[in-house]
Amino acid sequence: MKPGEDAEFSWTMLFAVTSGSFFIFSLLTKLLEGSPDHAGLFLKTGLVALGLAIISAIGRLITSPAADD
């Protein structure tokens, strides 16, 4: 990591990666096993994680200091 680089943990990235992972895993389980009962749970979890990523991104935009041009 370069000096002066922001090393803050990104909740938005965590939720986005989690959402993408659950969507892909849900799709793969449907393709490989037909339509198992737990595929719907994976899809719902992915939707919740996507919602949290959007809320986190909006919150970061609202709370971030305005750039001086």
PDB file of N, CA and C in Angstrom:
ATOM      1  N   MET A   1       0.829  -1.166   0.000  1.00  0.00           N
ATOM      2  CA  MET A   1       0.000   0.000   0.000  1.00  0.00           C
ATOM      3  C   MET A   1       0.884   1.243   0.000  1.00  0.00           C
ATOM      4  N   LYS A   2       0.516   2.220  -0.781  1.00  0.00           N
ATOM      5  CA  LYS A   2       1.300   3.448  -0.876  1.00  0.00           C
ATOM      6  C   LYS A   2       1.040   4.339   0.336  1.00  0.00           C
ATOM      7  N   PRO A   3       2.045   5.113   0.749  1.00  0.00           N
ATOM      8  CA  PRO A   3       1.819   6.041   1.855  1.00  0.00           C
ATOM      9  C   PRO A   3       0.769   7.081   1.478  1.00  0.00           C
ATOM     10  N   GLY A   4      -0.075   7.412   2.424  1.00  0.00           N
ATOM     11  CA  GLY A   4      -1.112   8.404   2.179  1.00  0.00           C
ATOM     12  C   GLY A   4      -2.367   7.823   1.554  1.00  0.00           C
ATOM     13  N   GLU A   5      -2.358   6.543   1.234  1.00  0.00           N
ATOM     14  CA  GLU A   5      -3.522   5.901   0.635  1.00  0.00           C
ATOM     15  C   GLU A   5      -4.532   5.579   1.734  1.00  0.00           C
ATOM     16  N   ASP A   6      -5.803   5.764   1.458  1.00  0.00           N
ATOM     17  CA  ASP A   6      -6.853   5.517   2.435  1.00  0.00           C
ATOM     18  C   ASP A   6      -6.966   4.011   2.684  1.00  0.00           C
ATOM     19  N   ALA A   7      -6.775   3.594   3.930  1.00  0.00           N
ATOM     20  CA  ALA A   7      -6.809   2.178   4.276  1.00  0.00           C
ATOM     21  C   ALA A   7      -8.089   1.816   5.022  1.00  0.00           C
ATOM     22  N   GLU A   8      -9.146   2.606   4.858  1.00  0.00           N
ATOM     23  CA  GLU A   8     -10.402   2.360   5.546  1.00  0.00           C
ATOM     24  C   GLU A   8     -11.097   1.132   4.956  1.00  0.00           C
ATOM     25  N   PHE A   9     -11.723   0.344   5.832  1.00  0.00           N
ATOM     26  CA  PHE A   9     -12.460  -0.834   5.405  1.00  0.00           C
ATOM     27  C   PHE A   9     -13.706  -0.407   4.637  1.00  0.00           C
ATOM     28  N   SER A  10     -13.978  -1.029   3.517  1.00  0.00           N
ATOM     29  CA  SER A  10     -15.114  -0.661   2.675  1.00  0.00           C
ATOM     30  C   SER A  10     -16.264  -1.648   2.879  1.00  0.00           C
ATOM     31  N   TRP A  11     -17.285  -1.203   3.605  1.00  0.00           N
ATOM     32  CA  TRP A  11     -18.471  -2.029   3.792  1.00  0.00           C
ATOM     33  C   TRP A  11     -19.214  -2.210   2.476  1.00  0.00           C
ATOM     34  N   THR A  12     -19.180  -1.187   1.652  1.00  0.00           N
ATOM     35  CA  THR A  12     -19.857  -1.266   0.360  1.00  0.00           C
ATOM     36  C   THR A  12     -19.283  -2.401  -0.480  1.00  0.00           C
ATOM     37  N   MET A  13     -17.974  -2.500  -0.510  1.00  0.00           N
ATOM     38  CA  MET A  13     -17.332  -3.562  -1.291  1.00  0.00           C
ATOM     39  C   MET A  13     -17.636  -4.936  -0.694  1.00  0.00           C
ATOM     40  N   LEU A  14     -17.658  -5.028   0.632  1.00  0.00           N
ATOM     41  CA  LEU A  14     -17.988  -6.302   1.277  1.00  0.00           C
ATOM     42  C   LEU A  14     -19.387  -6.761   0.884  1.00  0.00           C
ATOM     43  N   PHE A  15     -20.363  -5.857   0.967  1.00  0.00           N
ATOM     44  CA  PHE A  15     -21.734  -6.225   0.622  1.00  0.00           C
ATOM     45  C   PHE A  15     -21.876  -6.523  -0.867  1.00  0.00           C
ATOM     46  N   ALA A  16     -21.176  -5.790  -1.723  1.00  0.00           N
ATOM     47  CA  ALA A  16     -21.261  -6.026  -3.168  1.00  0.00           C
ATOM     48  C   ALA A  16     -20.668  -7.385  -3.542  1.00  0.00           C
ATOM     49  N   VAL A  17     -19.538  -7.726  -2.961  1.00  0.00           N
ATOM     50  CA  VAL A  17     -18.908  -9.023  -3.252  1.00  0.00           C
ATOM     51  C   VAL A  17     -19.766 -10.157  -2.703  1.00  0.00           C
ATOM     52  N   THR A  18     -20.315  -9.969  -1.517  1.00  0.00           N
ATOM     53  CA  THR A  18     -21.188 -10.986  -0.931  1.00  0.00           C
ATOM     54  C   THR A  18     -22.427 -11.189  -1.800  1.00  0.00           C
ATOM     55  N   SER A  19     -23.010 -10.092  -2.258  1.00  0.00           N
ATOM     56  CA  SER A  19     -24.180 -10.169  -3.118  1.00  0.00           C
ATOM     57  C   SER A  19     -23.863 -10.917  -4.412  1.00  0.00           C
ATOM     58  N   GLY A  20     -22.788 -10.531  -5.063  1.00  0.00           N
ATOM     59  CA  GLY A  20     -22.397 -11.197  -6.307  1.00  0.00           C
ATOM     60  C   GLY A  20     -22.131 -12.677  -6.106  1.00  0.00           C
ATOM     61  N   SER A  21     -21.476 -13.003  -4.997  1.00  0.00           N
ATOM     62  CA  SER A  21     -21.173 -14.404  -4.705  1.00  0.00           C
ATOM     63  C   SER A  21     -22.445 -15.224  -4.510  1.00  0.00           C
ATOM     64  N   PHE A  22     -23.401 -14.672  -3.774  1.00  0.00           N
ATOM     65  CA  PHE A  22     -24.644 -15.404  -3.555  1.00  0.00           C
ATOM     66  C   PHE A  22     -25.460 -15.534  -4.839  1.00  0.00           C
ATOM     67  N   PHE A  23     -25.464 -14.501  -5.690  1.00  0.00           N
ATOM     68  CA  PHE A  23     -26.171 -14.604  -6.968  1.00  0.00           C
ATOM     69  C   PHE A  23     -25.552 -15.691  -7.850  1.00  0.00           C
ATOM     70  N   ILE A  24     -24.234 -15.703  -7.938  1.00  0.00           N
ATOM     71  CA  ILE A  24     -23.549 -16.708  -8.754  1.00  0.00           C
ATOM     72  C   ILE A  24     -23.757 -18.109  -8.189  1.00  0.00           C
ATOM     73  N   PHE A  25     -23.659 -18.237  -6.865  1.00  0.00           N
ATOM     74  CA  PHE A  25     -23.826 -19.552  -6.255  1.00  0.00           C
ATOM     75  C   PHE A  25     -25.259 -20.045  -6.427  1.00  0.00           C
ATOM     76  N   SER A  26     -26.235 -19.136  -6.327  1.00  0.00           N
ATOM     77  CA  SER A  26     -27.626 -19.514  -6.545  1.00  0.00           C
ATOM     78  C   SER A  26     -27.836 -19.994  -7.972  1.00  0.00           C
ATOM     79  N   LEU A  27     -27.255 -19.274  -8.928  1.00  0.00           N
ATOM     80  CA  LEU A  27     -27.378 -19.668 -10.332  1.00  0.00           C
ATOM     81  C   LEU A  27     -26.723 -21.027 -10.590  1.00  0.00           C
ATOM     82  N   LEU A  28     -25.542 -21.231 -10.027  1.00  0.00           N
ATOM     83  CA  LEU A  28     -24.849 -22.504 -10.232  1.00  0.00           C
ATOM     84  C   LEU A  28     -25.596 -23.672  -9.607  1.00  0.00           C
ATOM     85  N   THR A  29     -26.178 -23.480  -8.414  1.00  0.00           N
ATOM     86  CA  THR A  29     -26.926 -24.581  -7.805  1.00  0.00           C
ATOM     87  C   THR A  29     -28.182 -24.903  -8.609  1.00  0.00           C
ATOM     88  N   LYS A  30     -28.815 -23.885  -9.200  1.00  0.00           N
ATOM     89  CA  LYS A  30     -29.983 -24.151 -10.041  1.00  0.00           C
ATOM     90  C   LYS A  30     -29.580 -24.891 -11.313  1.00  0.00           C
ATOM     91  N   LEU A  31     -28.423 -24.537 -11.883  1.00  0.00           N
ATOM     92  CA  LEU A  31     -27.967 -25.204 -13.100  1.00  0.00           C
ATOM     93  C   LEU A  31     -27.531 -26.641 -12.841  1.00  0.00           C
ATOM     94  N   LEU A  32     -26.875 -26.866 -11.709  1.00  0.00           N
ATOM     95  CA  LEU A  32     -26.332 -28.195 -11.434  1.00  0.00           C
ATOM     96  C   LEU A  32     -27.346 -29.152 -10.817  1.00  0.00           C
ATOM     97  N   GLU A  33     -28.227 -28.640  -9.958  1.00  0.00           N
ATOM     98  CA  GLU A  33     -29.121 -29.521  -9.217  1.00  0.00           C
ATOM     99  C   GLU A  33     -30.583 -29.325  -9.560  1.00  0.00           C
ATOM    100  N   GLY A  34     -30.884 -28.643 -10.622  1.00  0.00           N
ATOM    101  CA  GLY A  34     -32.279 -28.367 -10.943  1.00  0.00           C
ATOM    102  C   GLY A  34     -32.738 -27.128 -10.210  1.00  0.00           C
ATOM    103  N   SER A  35     -33.577 -27.287  -9.207  1.00  0.00           N
ATOM    104  CA  SER A  35     -34.022 -26.158  -8.394  1.00  0.00           C
ATOM    105  C   SER A  35     -34.142 -26.611  -6.942  1.00  0.00           C
ATOM    106  N   PRO A  36     -33.022 -26.697  -6.227  1.00  0.00           N
ATOM    107  CA  PRO A  36     -33.079 -27.134  -4.830  1.00  0.00           C
ATOM    108  C   PRO A  36     -33.760 -26.075  -3.954  1.00  0.00           C
ATOM    109  N   ASP A  37     -34.220 -26.486  -2.786  1.00  0.00           N
ATOM    110  CA  ASP A  37     -34.933 -25.594  -1.877  1.00  0.00           C
ATOM    111  C   ASP A  37     -34.066 -24.433  -1.391  1.00  0.00           C
ATOM    112  N   HIS A  38     -32.777 -24.672  -1.191  1.00  0.00           N
ATOM    113  CA  HIS A  38     -31.908 -23.632  -0.635  1.00  0.00           C
ATOM    114  C   HIS A  38     -31.452 -22.605  -1.679  1.00  0.00           C
ATOM    115  N   ALA A  39     -31.713 -22.811  -2.934  1.00  0.00           N
ATOM    116  CA  ALA A  39     -31.336 -21.832  -3.966  1.00  0.00           C
ATOM    117  C   ALA A  39     -32.114 -20.530  -3.781  1.00  0.00           C
ATOM    118  N   GLY A  40     -33.355 -20.625  -3.364  1.00  0.00           N
ATOM    119  CA  GLY A  40     -34.150 -19.435  -3.091  1.00  0.00           C
ATOM    120  C   GLY A  40     -33.599 -18.637  -1.913  1.00  0.00           C
ATOM    121  N   LEU A  41     -33.095 -19.336  -0.911  1.00  0.00           N
ATOM    122  CA  LEU A  41     -32.484 -18.663   0.234  1.00  0.00           C
ATOM    123  C   LEU A  41     -31.226 -17.916  -0.195  1.00  0.00           C
ATOM    124  N   PHE A  42     -30.436 -18.515  -1.071  1.00  0.00           N
ATOM    125  CA  PHE A  42     -29.226 -17.845  -1.566  1.00  0.00           C
ATOM    126  C   PHE A  42     -29.595 -16.591  -2.363  1.00  0.00           C
ATOM    127  N   LEU A  43     -30.653 -16.675  -3.158  1.00  0.00           N
ATOM    128  CA  LEU A  43     -31.094 -15.524  -3.943  1.00  0.00           C
ATOM    129  C   LEU A  43     -31.577 -14.394  -3.030  1.00  0.00           C
ATOM    130  N   LYS A  44     -32.345 -14.741  -2.004  1.00  0.00           N
ATOM    131  CA  LYS A  44     -32.827 -13.734  -1.062  1.00  0.00           C
ATOM    132  C   LYS A  44     -31.672 -13.095  -0.292  1.00  0.00           C
ATOM    133  N   THR A  45     -30.690 -13.897   0.098  1.00  0.00           N
ATOM    134  CA  THR A  45     -29.523 -13.358   0.788  1.00  0.00           C
ATOM    135  C   THR A  45     -28.747 -12.416  -0.121  1.00  0.00           C
ATOM    136  N   GLY A  46     -28.628 -12.763  -1.388  1.00  0.00           N
ATOM    137  CA  GLY A  46     -27.967 -11.891  -2.349  1.00  0.00           C
ATOM    138  C   GLY A  46     -28.701 -10.574  -2.527  1.00  0.00           C
ATOM    139  N   LEU A  47     -30.030 -10.621  -2.537  1.00  0.00           N
ATOM    140  CA  LEU A  47     -30.824  -9.396  -2.662  1.00  0.00           C
ATOM    141  C   LEU A  47     -30.670  -8.499  -1.436  1.00  0.00           C
ATOM    142  N   VAL A  48     -30.633  -9.106  -0.250  1.00  0.00           N
ATOM    143  CA  VAL A  48     -30.433  -8.331   0.977  1.00  0.00           C
ATOM    144  C   VAL A  48     -29.046  -7.687   0.968  1.00  0.00           C
ATOM    145  N   ALA A  49     -28.030  -8.457   0.578  1.00  0.00           N
ATOM    146  CA  ALA A  49     -26.669  -7.911   0.520  1.00  0.00           C
ATOM    147  C   ALA A  49     -26.571  -6.800  -0.518  1.00  0.00           C
ATOM    148  N   LEU A  50     -27.268  -6.947  -1.637  1.00  0.00           N
ATOM    149  CA  LEU A  50     -27.283  -5.892  -2.656  1.00  0.00           C
ATOM    150  C   LEU A  50     -27.943  -4.628  -2.113  1.00  0.00           C
ATOM    151  N   GLY A  51     -29.036  -4.790  -1.396  1.00  0.00           N
ATOM    152  CA  GLY A  51     -29.696  -3.647  -0.776  1.00  0.00           C
ATOM    153  C   GLY A  51     -28.790  -2.946   0.225  1.00  0.00           C
ATOM    154  N   LEU A  52     -28.070  -3.723   1.032  1.00  0.00           N
ATOM    155  CA  LEU A  52     -27.139  -3.131   1.994  1.00  0.00           C
ATOM    156  C   LEU A  52     -25.980  -2.425   1.297  1.00  0.00           C
ATOM    157  N   ALA A  53     -25.526  -2.961   0.166  1.00  0.00           N
ATOM    158  CA  ALA A  53     -24.458  -2.304  -0.597  1.00  0.00           C
ATOM    159  C   ALA A  53     -24.938  -0.962  -1.140  1.00  0.00           C
ATOM    160  N   ILE A  54     -26.163  -0.922  -1.624  1.00  0.00           N
ATOM    161  CA  ILE A  54     -26.715   0.333  -2.153  1.00  0.00           C
ATOM    162  C   ILE A  54     -26.877   1.350  -1.033  1.00  0.00           C
ATOM    163  N   ILE A  55     -27.412   0.916   0.107  1.00  0.00           N
ATOM    164  CA  ILE A  55     -27.576   1.817   1.249  1.00  0.00           C
ATOM    165  C   ILE A  55     -26.221   2.328   1.728  1.00  0.00           C
ATOM    166  N   SER A  56     -25.235   1.449   1.772  1.00  0.00           N
ATOM    167  CA  SER A  56     -23.895   1.839   2.202  1.00  0.00           C
ATOM    168  C   SER A  56     -23.270   2.834   1.229  1.00  0.00           C
ATOM    169  N   ALA A  57     -23.467   2.622  -0.066  1.00  0.00           N
ATOM    170  CA  ALA A  57     -22.910   3.536  -1.067  1.00  0.00           C
ATOM    171  C   ALA A  57     -23.578   4.913  -0.981  1.00  0.00           C
ATOM    172  N   ILE A  58     -24.890   4.923  -0.798  1.00  0.00           N
ATOM    173  CA  ILE A  58     -25.594   6.200  -0.662  1.00  0.00           C
ATOM    174  C   ILE A  58     -25.147   6.909   0.608  1.00  0.00           C
ATOM    175  N   GLY A  59     -25.017   6.165   1.693  1.00  0.00           N
ATOM    176  CA  GLY A  59     -24.548   6.752   2.942  1.00  0.00           C
ATOM    177  C   GLY A  59     -23.153   7.325   2.829  1.00  0.00           C
ATOM    178  N   ARG A  60     -22.287   6.632   2.101  1.00  0.00           N
ATOM    179  CA  ARG A  60     -20.920   7.131   1.912  1.00  0.00           C
ATOM    180  C   ARG A  60     -20.923   8.412   1.073  1.00  0.00           C
ATOM    181  N   LEU A  61     -21.792   8.465   0.058  1.00  0.00           N
ATOM    182  CA  LEU A  61     -21.885   9.667  -0.771  1.00  0.00           C
ATOM    183  C   LEU A  61     -22.410  10.862   0.030  1.00  0.00           C
ATOM    184  N   ILE A  62     -23.377  10.605   0.902  1.00  0.00           N
ATOM    185  CA  ILE A  62     -23.960  11.673   1.690  1.00  0.00           C
ATOM    186  C   ILE A  62     -22.972  12.200   2.730  1.00  0.00           C
ATOM    187  N   THR A  63     -22.224  11.303   3.365  1.00  0.00           N
ATOM    188  CA  THR A  63     -21.345  11.704   4.459  1.00  0.00           C
ATOM    189  C   THR A  63     -19.946  12.099   4.017  1.00  0.00           C
ATOM    190  N   SER A  64     -19.597  11.857   2.763  1.00  0.00           N
ATOM    191  CA  SER A  64     -18.246  12.197   2.317  1.00  0.00           C
ATOM    192  C   SER A  64     -18.121  13.727   2.163  1.00  0.00           C
ATOM    193  N   PRO A  65     -16.978  14.247   2.491  1.00  0.00           N
ATOM    194  CA  PRO A  65     -16.801  15.702   2.346  1.00  0.00           C
ATOM    195  C   PRO A  65     -16.821  16.095   0.867  1.00  0.00           C
ATOM    196  N   ALA A  66     -17.341  17.247   0.595  1.00  0.00           N
ATOM    197  CA  ALA A  66     -17.423  17.740  -0.787  1.00  0.00           C
ATOM    198  C   ALA A  66     -16.024  18.087  -1.287  1.00  0.00           C
ATOM    199  N   ALA A  67     -15.772  17.742  -2.534  1.00  0.00           N
ATOM    200  CA  ALA A  67     -14.467  18.043  -3.126  1.00  0.00           C
ATOM    201  C   ALA A  67     -14.397  19.510  -3.513  1.00  0.00           C
ATOM    202  N   ASP A  68     -13.314  20.151  -3.134  1.00  0.00           N
ATOM    203  CA  ASP A  68     -13.127  21.557  -3.478  1.00  0.00           C
ATOM    204  C   ASP A  68     -12.479  21.645  -4.861  1.00  0.00           C
ATOM    205  N   ASP A  69     -13.163  22.277  -5.787  1.00  0.00           N
ATOM    206  CA  ASP A  69     -12.622  22.419  -7.146  1.00  0.00           C
ATOM    207  C   ASP A  69     -12.002  23.782  -7.344  1.00  0.00           C
TER     208      ASP A  69
END
